[in-house]
Each structure stands twice: as C-alpha cells, then as structure tokens.
C-alpha cells in the first residue's frame, strides 16, 4: 500500500493533494485493480484529514471511474480489463442474430462457418492498427514514441475526442491508453466493439527520492512535453515538500519559462523528449552558470512491464 502524504503548509488544497496521489497510485499500479483502499476512518487517521474530506475525494475518484464503492465492504480500484456481463450478452446476441439472418437466406451452416472464418481472417490482416489515445497531446506523443520503439507494429496517436469518429470508419484497431483515461475512453467508444488495453505508468520513485533530498530553499525545475505531467508533478512535489522548494515548470517550447529554469534551478528533471529538444541549451547553461546544474532525465513514462504485457496481449489478438 503506498504512503499518502499531505502537506498542510502547501498552497495546494489537501483534497487535491490526496486525489492526485491516489489516482497516480492507480495509474502506476501501486494500487492494482481490485485492491481495497483504506477506509475513510483509516485514511483520516493516516493523513490527519477530516473524514468529510476523505469521503469527497473517494466520491470524485468514483465519478472519474477509477474506483467503486461497495456497500458494507469498502472502496476498491476498478478493473477496466473486465467486460461486464451485459457487454458479453450484447456480443452474443449480435452474433446469433447475424447467423440466424444468413441461415434464413438459405445458406447452410457449413457455408456460414466458412464465411465468418474468412471475414475474420481478412479483418485481422487488413491493416489492423494500434491507436494510443489521451486528452493530453504532449503525453500522447511521448507514449507513441515509447511504444513505437518497443513494438514492431504501426502505432499512431489520437486525442480522445477524435477517437470515435475515426473508428467508425476504421473499425479494425486496438486502443491503448493509461488507467487514468480508461473511463473517458470507454464513454467515448460506447457502442463500438473495439478492444481497449490499459498501460501502467512509471512510479517515478527515483525522481521522488531526488526531490526529498533537495535542501530547503532549493529551486526545482520540471520540464515536460505533457502538461498533465507538469501539473501532477507540481502537486506531488507540494505534497512532499510544501513551500520548502521553489518549483518552476515549463513546456520545452516555452522559451521564457525554460530560460528561467536553466538560470535558476538546482535540480532539473525532464523527460527524454524534452531533453532531446533542449540538450544544446542545457550544455550552454551548465557552462555559463556559477552554481552547478544537476540534470535528471526520466525513464519511459510507460513501464517496461506494461510494454511486455501489451506485447503479449497484441500477440493474442
């Protein structure tokens, strides 16, 4: 069970700190599907937050589709990989209806079997695509690059709001997204029979350890292609260190913000894509600065274990 830390001196509200930490733990699989969250009473004792605050956070997590509250039992992490019985029933009914319709036209059962098998084979080899989706375009590009390196299949990215329209015209695809976004994707693809495979994100334990070790009064710079990562990292840092650190964040294409970070920061944490864009400027900053600049490039946003699981799942499809 991960440790949830609330910094009462932070400018970020305690409820926002807790929500971000729990949802991050779910997305990074520190809280695995089906695991039980601490009770409201337990978490209130662990975090020193009021029970009403805990209850509100759990309600927001449930509305986001990340957890479910079971009466008399507790709050559990949802498993997005489990299809509902109603979904199975719908698929079975569709297949039965199609078979009945073809048989009614006078075809034999043997002919129907042959036609179904041939159609399935054609579809499985007819340009099946892997589509990565996210509401965050920067994160989308990062994950596409990571998976493209690891998987020997065509991969491209689409924002969630463009997904349904595309798949109506190109139905042969597998959709990949992180656990944060599973509920949004399921809602966007309602009525479409498209497999959705979840991926787990990096726990960032090494980066968290570096933040914990920084001296009070230090400046921490965070640069990422993903605006959601910038927000999440800022909230988590506030939870860990409160106002002890000056935290500056920037997208790599924001020259003014990047310059401020390179001039002021003691520790710079950035993703691989941002480092590729800024490597020359970072080298120049290190030469011109009086104080040393410590630079840490993060690992893949997607865990290697998750990529391996994705490979196995694709081999089965």
Protein backbone atom coordinates (compact mmCIF):
# COMPACT_ATOMS: atom_id res chain seq x y z
CA UNK A 1 0.00 0.00 0.00
CA UNK A 2 1.54 3.36 -1.00
CA UNK A 3 2.02 6.09 1.58
CA UNK A 4 -0.15 9.17 1.15
CA UNK A 5 1.41 12.37 2.46
CA UNK A 6 -0.45 15.63 2.96
CA UNK A 7 1.45 18.87 3.48
CA UNK A 8 -0.79 21.31 5.34
CA UNK A 9 1.63 24.20 4.60
CA UNK A 10 1.22 23.74 0.84
CA UNK A 11 -0.80 26.16 -1.27
CA UNK A 12 -2.42 23.13 -2.93
CA UNK A 13 -5.64 22.11 -1.10
CA UNK A 14 -5.32 18.85 0.88
CA UNK A 15 -8.17 17.26 -1.11
CA UNK A 16 -6.33 17.97 -4.38
CA UNK A 17 -3.10 16.53 -2.95
CA UNK A 18 -4.85 13.33 -1.89
CA UNK A 19 -6.81 12.95 -5.13
CA UNK A 20 -3.65 13.33 -7.23
CA UNK A 21 -1.69 10.84 -5.09
CA UNK A 22 -4.41 8.16 -5.13
CA UNK A 23 -5.07 8.49 -8.88
CA UNK A 24 -1.30 8.40 -9.56
CA UNK A 25 -1.01 5.24 -7.43
CA UNK A 26 -3.77 3.63 -9.50
CA UNK A 27 -2.25 4.69 -12.83
CA UNK A 28 1.20 3.43 -11.83
CA UNK A 29 -0.32 0.19 -10.46
CA UNK A 30 0.93 0.79 -6.94
CA UNK A 31 -2.75 0.19 -6.26
CA UNK A 32 -3.62 -2.72 -8.54
CA UNK A 33 -7.10 -3.42 -9.98
CA UNK A 34 -9.33 -4.99 -7.37
CA UNK A 35 -7.28 -3.81 -4.38
CA UNK A 36 -9.10 -2.25 -1.45
CA UNK A 37 -8.39 1.33 -0.44
CA UNK A 38 -8.08 2.28 3.24
CA UNK A 39 -11.39 3.04 4.92
CA UNK A 40 -12.36 6.68 5.39
CA UNK A 41 -11.56 6.34 9.10
CA UNK A 42 -8.16 4.69 8.46
CA UNK A 43 -7.10 7.26 5.88
CA UNK A 44 -8.25 10.12 8.09
CA UNK A 45 -6.00 8.78 10.87
CA UNK A 46 -3.06 8.31 8.47
CA UNK A 47 -3.31 11.77 6.85
CA UNK A 48 -4.84 13.81 9.70
CA UNK A 49 -7.55 14.97 7.30
CA UNK A 50 -11.21 15.28 8.22
CA UNK A 51 -13.36 12.29 7.28
CA UNK A 52 -15.57 14.50 5.12
CA UNK A 53 -12.52 15.45 3.04
CA UNK A 54 -11.62 11.77 2.53
CA UNK A 55 -15.22 10.95 1.57
CA UNK A 56 -15.30 13.76 -1.00
CA UNK A 57 -12.03 12.56 -2.57
CA UNK A 58 -13.35 8.98 -2.78
CA UNK A 59 -16.57 10.30 -4.39
CA UNK A 60 -14.56 12.23 -7.01
CA UNK A 61 -12.46 9.13 -7.72
CA UNK A 62 -15.64 7.09 -8.18
CA UNK A 63 -17.12 9.70 -10.54
CA UNK A 64 -13.87 9.58 -12.54
CA UNK A 65 -14.34 5.82 -12.94
CA UNK A 66 -11.18 4.87 -11.05
CA UNK A 67 -12.76 3.21 -8.02
CA UNK A 68 -16.08 1.75 -6.91
CA UNK A 69 -17.73 1.85 -3.51
CA UNK A 70 -19.28 -1.46 -2.44
CA UNK A 71 -21.95 -1.16 0.23
CA UNK A 72 -20.79 -2.64 3.51
CA UNK A 73 -17.41 -3.63 2.06
CA UNK A 74 -15.36 -0.56 1.17
CA UNK A 75 -13.80 1.22 -1.81
CA UNK A 76 -11.98 -0.80 -4.48
CA UNK A 77 -9.88 0.00 -7.54
CA UNK A 78 -11.85 -0.77 -10.67
CA UNK A 79 -10.54 -3.33 -13.15
CA UNK A 80 -11.08 -1.81 -16.63
CA UNK A 81 -10.00 -5.05 -18.30
CA UNK A 82 -13.11 -6.88 -17.07
CA UNK A 83 -16.00 -6.75 -19.51
CA UNK A 84 -19.46 -6.57 -18.00
CA UNK A 85 -21.89 -9.46 -18.44
CA UNK A 86 -24.19 -7.16 -20.36
CA UNK A 87 -21.41 -6.47 -22.86
CA UNK A 88 -20.88 -10.22 -23.37
CA UNK A 89 -24.62 -10.71 -23.77
CA UNK A 90 -24.75 -7.97 -26.39
CA UNK A 91 -21.92 -9.54 -28.40
CA UNK A 92 -23.52 -13.00 -28.23
CA UNK A 93 -26.87 -11.61 -29.31
CA UNK A 94 -25.29 -9.80 -32.26
CA UNK A 95 -23.51 -12.96 -33.44
CA UNK A 96 -26.61 -15.11 -33.00
CA UNK A 97 -28.72 -12.58 -34.88
CA UNK A 98 -26.23 -12.43 -37.76
CA UNK A 99 -26.06 -16.23 -38.04
CA UNK A 100 -29.86 -16.52 -37.95
CA UNK A 101 -30.20 -13.85 -40.66
CA UNK A 102 -27.76 -15.62 -43.01
CA UNK A 103 -29.32 -19.05 -42.40
CA UNK A 104 -32.73 -17.54 -43.20
CA UNK A 105 -31.37 -16.66 -46.67
CA UNK A 106 -30.94 -20.36 -47.40
CA UNK A 107 -27.22 -20.79 -46.72
CA UNK A 108 -26.06 -23.96 -44.95
CA UNK A 109 -24.36 -23.90 -41.54
CA UNK A 110 -21.14 -25.05 -43.21
CA UNK A 111 -21.27 -22.10 -45.63
CA UNK A 112 -21.97 -19.66 -42.80
CA UNK A 113 -19.00 -21.00 -40.83
CA UNK A 114 -16.72 -20.65 -43.85
CA UNK A 115 -17.86 -17.06 -44.50
CA UNK A 116 -17.38 -15.99 -40.87
CA UNK A 117 -13.90 -17.53 -40.69
CA UNK A 118 -12.84 -15.91 -43.97
CA UNK A 119 -14.15 -12.48 -42.89
CA UNK A 120 -12.38 -12.69 -39.53
CA UNK A 121 -9.09 -13.64 -41.21
CA UNK A 122 -9.40 -10.76 -43.67
CA UNK A 123 -10.07 -8.27 -40.89
CA UNK A 124 -7.21 -9.49 -38.69
CA UNK A 125 -4.70 -8.99 -41.52
CA UNK A 126 -6.20 -5.89 -43.12
CA UNK A 127 -4.14 -3.09 -41.66
CA UNK A 128 -5.06 -3.58 -38.01
CA UNK A 129 -3.82 -0.54 -36.10
CA UNK A 130 -2.63 0.29 -32.62
CA UNK A 131 -4.06 3.65 -31.54
CA UNK A 132 -2.73 5.41 -28.45
CA UNK A 133 -5.20 7.91 -27.00
CA UNK A 134 -5.13 10.60 -24.32
CA UNK A 135 -6.65 14.04 -23.77
CA UNK A 136 -3.08 15.35 -23.35
CA UNK A 137 -1.43 15.76 -26.78
CA UNK A 138 2.05 16.08 -25.31
CA UNK A 139 1.67 12.86 -23.34
CA UNK A 140 0.19 11.24 -26.44
CA UNK A 141 3.35 11.95 -28.44
CA UNK A 142 5.58 10.64 -25.64
CA UNK A 143 3.75 7.32 -25.35
CA UNK A 144 3.56 6.83 -29.13
CA UNK A 145 7.35 7.24 -29.37
CA UNK A 146 7.97 4.84 -26.49
CA UNK A 147 5.69 2.13 -27.87
CA UNK A 148 6.95 2.63 -31.44
CA UNK A 149 10.47 1.80 -30.23
CA UNK A 150 9.34 -1.28 -28.32
CA UNK A 151 6.69 -2.79 -30.62
CA UNK A 152 7.23 -3.80 -34.22
CA UNK A 153 3.77 -2.64 -35.35
CA UNK A 154 2.32 0.60 -36.76
CA UNK A 155 1.29 2.95 -33.96
CA UNK A 156 -0.24 6.39 -34.04
CA UNK A 157 -1.95 8.71 -31.59
CA UNK A 158 -5.39 10.30 -31.48
CA UNK A 159 -6.96 12.61 -28.88
CA UNK A 160 -9.92 11.01 -27.12
CA UNK A 161 -12.40 13.46 -28.65
CA UNK A 162 -11.40 12.35 -32.18
CA UNK A 163 -11.37 8.63 -31.44
CA UNK A 164 -14.99 7.60 -32.02
CA UNK A 165 -15.34 9.35 -35.38
CA UNK A 166 -12.12 7.77 -36.67
CA UNK A 167 -13.04 4.26 -35.52
CA UNK A 168 -16.47 4.42 -37.15
CA UNK A 169 -14.62 4.49 -40.49
CA UNK A 170 -11.61 2.36 -39.46
CA UNK A 171 -13.03 -0.25 -37.07
CA UNK A 172 -10.09 -2.67 -37.11
CA UNK A 173 -7.93 -1.32 -34.32
CA UNK A 174 -6.79 -1.78 -30.75
CA UNK A 175 -6.88 1.25 -28.47
CA UNK A 176 -4.16 1.76 -25.85
CA UNK A 177 -4.36 4.26 -23.00
CA UNK A 178 -3.24 4.68 -19.40
CA UNK A 179 -5.51 3.82 -16.49
CA UNK A 180 -6.33 7.47 -15.81
CA UNK A 181 -8.17 7.61 -19.12
CA UNK A 182 -9.94 4.24 -19.29
CA UNK A 183 -13.34 5.61 -18.15
CA UNK A 184 -13.18 8.50 -20.66
CA UNK A 185 -12.24 6.15 -23.49
CA UNK A 186 -14.99 3.67 -22.61
CA UNK A 187 -17.51 6.51 -22.65
CA UNK A 188 -16.21 7.86 -25.97
CA UNK A 189 -16.38 4.40 -27.60
CA UNK A 190 -19.76 3.38 -26.23
CA UNK A 191 -21.50 1.21 -28.82
CA UNK A 192 -18.25 0.39 -30.67
CA UNK A 193 -16.71 -3.08 -30.30
CA UNK A 194 -13.07 -2.01 -30.04
CA UNK A 195 -10.59 -3.63 -27.61
CA UNK A 196 -9.07 -1.23 -25.06
CA UNK A 197 -5.74 -2.19 -23.48
CA UNK A 198 -4.57 -0.29 -20.36
CA UNK A 199 -0.93 0.59 -19.76
CA UNK A 200 0.73 1.38 -16.44
CA UNK A 201 2.89 4.43 -15.90
CA UNK A 202 6.31 4.74 -14.28
CA UNK A 203 6.20 5.17 -10.46
CA UNK A 204 8.82 7.97 -10.58
CA UNK A 205 10.27 6.66 -7.30
CA UNK A 206 13.80 7.78 -8.23
CA UNK A 207 12.58 11.30 -9.03
CA UNK A 208 10.61 11.46 -5.77
CA UNK A 209 13.74 10.45 -3.85
CA UNK A 210 15.71 13.26 -5.52
CA UNK A 211 13.04 15.79 -4.56
CA UNK A 212 13.09 14.55 -0.95
CA UNK A 213 16.88 15.02 -0.79
CA UNK A 214 16.92 18.65 -2.00
CA UNK A 215 17.92 21.24 0.60
CA UNK A 216 15.23 23.63 1.81
CA UNK A 217 15.28 26.80 -0.27
CA UNK A 218 16.44 24.97 -3.41
CA UNK A 219 14.88 25.55 -6.81
CA UNK A 220 13.42 22.56 -8.64
CA UNK A 221 12.81 22.76 -12.39
CA UNK A 222 10.47 20.36 -14.18
CA UNK A 223 10.19 20.32 -17.99
CA UNK A 224 7.87 18.01 -19.88
CA UNK A 225 6.06 17.70 -23.19
CA UNK A 226 2.98 16.73 -21.16
CA UNK A 227 1.01 19.44 -19.41
CA UNK A 228 -0.76 16.85 -17.23
CA UNK A 229 2.64 15.55 -16.03
CA UNK A 230 3.71 19.11 -15.20
CA UNK A 231 0.56 19.62 -13.13
CA UNK A 232 0.75 16.24 -11.39
CA UNK A 233 4.47 16.61 -10.62
CA UNK A 234 3.88 20.08 -9.17
CA UNK A 235 1.07 18.84 -6.89
CA UNK A 236 3.07 15.79 -5.74
CA UNK A 237 6.11 17.97 -5.01
CA UNK A 238 3.94 20.30 -2.93
CA UNK A 239 2.64 17.28 -1.02
CA UNK A 240 6.19 16.12 -0.26
CA UNK A 241 7.96 19.43 0.45
CA UNK A 242 5.28 22.13 0.72
CA UNK A 243 6.76 25.62 0.42
CA UNK A 244 10.31 24.47 1.19
CA UNK A 245 11.18 24.43 -2.52
CA UNK A 246 10.66 26.87 -5.34
CA UNK A 247 9.14 24.81 -8.15
CA UNK A 248 9.29 26.03 -11.75
CA UNK A 249 7.63 24.11 -14.58
CA UNK A 250 7.76 24.56 -18.35
CA UNK A 251 6.90 23.02 -21.69
CA UNK A 252 10.14 22.70 -23.73
CA UNK A 253 8.81 25.10 -26.38
CA UNK A 254 8.15 27.88 -23.86
CA UNK A 255 11.46 29.71 -24.27
CA UNK A 256 10.90 32.26 -21.50
CA UNK A 257 9.98 29.64 -18.88
CA UNK A 258 12.80 27.32 -19.99
CA UNK A 259 15.36 30.15 -19.72
CA UNK A 260 14.17 30.94 -16.18
CA UNK A 261 14.58 27.29 -15.20
CA UNK A 262 18.04 26.94 -16.75
CA UNK A 263 19.24 30.10 -14.97
CA UNK A 264 17.76 29.39 -11.53
CA UNK A 265 17.23 25.72 -10.85
CA UNK A 266 19.41 23.49 -8.68
CA UNK A 267 17.83 20.26 -9.95
CA UNK A 268 16.27 19.90 -13.39
CA UNK A 269 14.01 16.90 -14.05
CA UNK A 270 12.79 16.37 -17.60
CA UNK A 271 11.53 13.66 -19.91
CA UNK A 272 13.60 12.17 -22.71
CA UNK A 273 11.73 14.02 -25.45
CA UNK A 274 12.26 17.39 -23.76
CA UNK A 275 15.94 16.58 -23.20
CA UNK A 276 16.33 15.86 -26.93
CA UNK A 277 14.88 19.29 -27.72
CA UNK A 278 16.89 21.19 -25.09
CA UNK A 279 20.17 19.26 -24.86
CA UNK A 280 22.25 22.01 -26.55
CA UNK A 281 20.74 24.76 -24.37
CA UNK A 282 21.33 22.72 -21.22
CA UNK A 283 25.01 22.29 -22.15
CA UNK A 284 25.37 26.06 -22.67
CA UNK A 285 23.63 26.80 -19.36
CA UNK A 286 25.99 24.46 -17.50
CA UNK A 287 28.99 26.33 -18.92
CA UNK A 288 27.67 29.82 -18.16
CA UNK A 289 26.33 29.16 -14.65
CA UNK A 290 28.35 29.69 -11.49
CA UNK A 291 26.36 27.11 -9.48
CA UNK A 292 26.28 23.54 -10.81
CA UNK A 293 23.14 22.36 -12.58
CA UNK A 294 22.05 18.82 -11.77
CA UNK A 295 20.05 17.26 -14.63
CA UNK A 296 17.97 14.11 -14.34
CA UNK A 297 16.28 12.56 -17.40
CA UNK A 298 13.33 10.32 -16.52
CA UNK A 299 12.79 6.80 -17.77
CA UNK A 300 9.92 5.84 -20.05
CA UNK A 301 6.55 7.14 -18.90
CA UNK A 302 5.22 3.66 -19.69
CA UNK A 303 6.66 0.85 -17.55
CA UNK A 304 8.68 -1.90 -19.23
CA UNK A 305 6.45 -4.49 -17.54
CA UNK A 306 3.41 -2.85 -19.08
CA UNK A 307 5.02 -2.81 -22.53
CA UNK A 308 5.80 -6.54 -22.20
CA UNK A 309 2.19 -7.22 -21.16
CA UNK A 310 0.99 -5.17 -24.13
CA UNK A 311 3.18 -7.25 -26.47
CA UNK A 312 1.64 -10.46 -25.13
CA UNK A 313 -1.88 -9.07 -25.43
CA UNK A 314 -1.29 -8.00 -29.04
CA UNK A 315 0.07 -11.43 -29.90
CA UNK A 316 -3.22 -12.92 -28.72
CA UNK A 317 -5.38 -10.58 -30.80
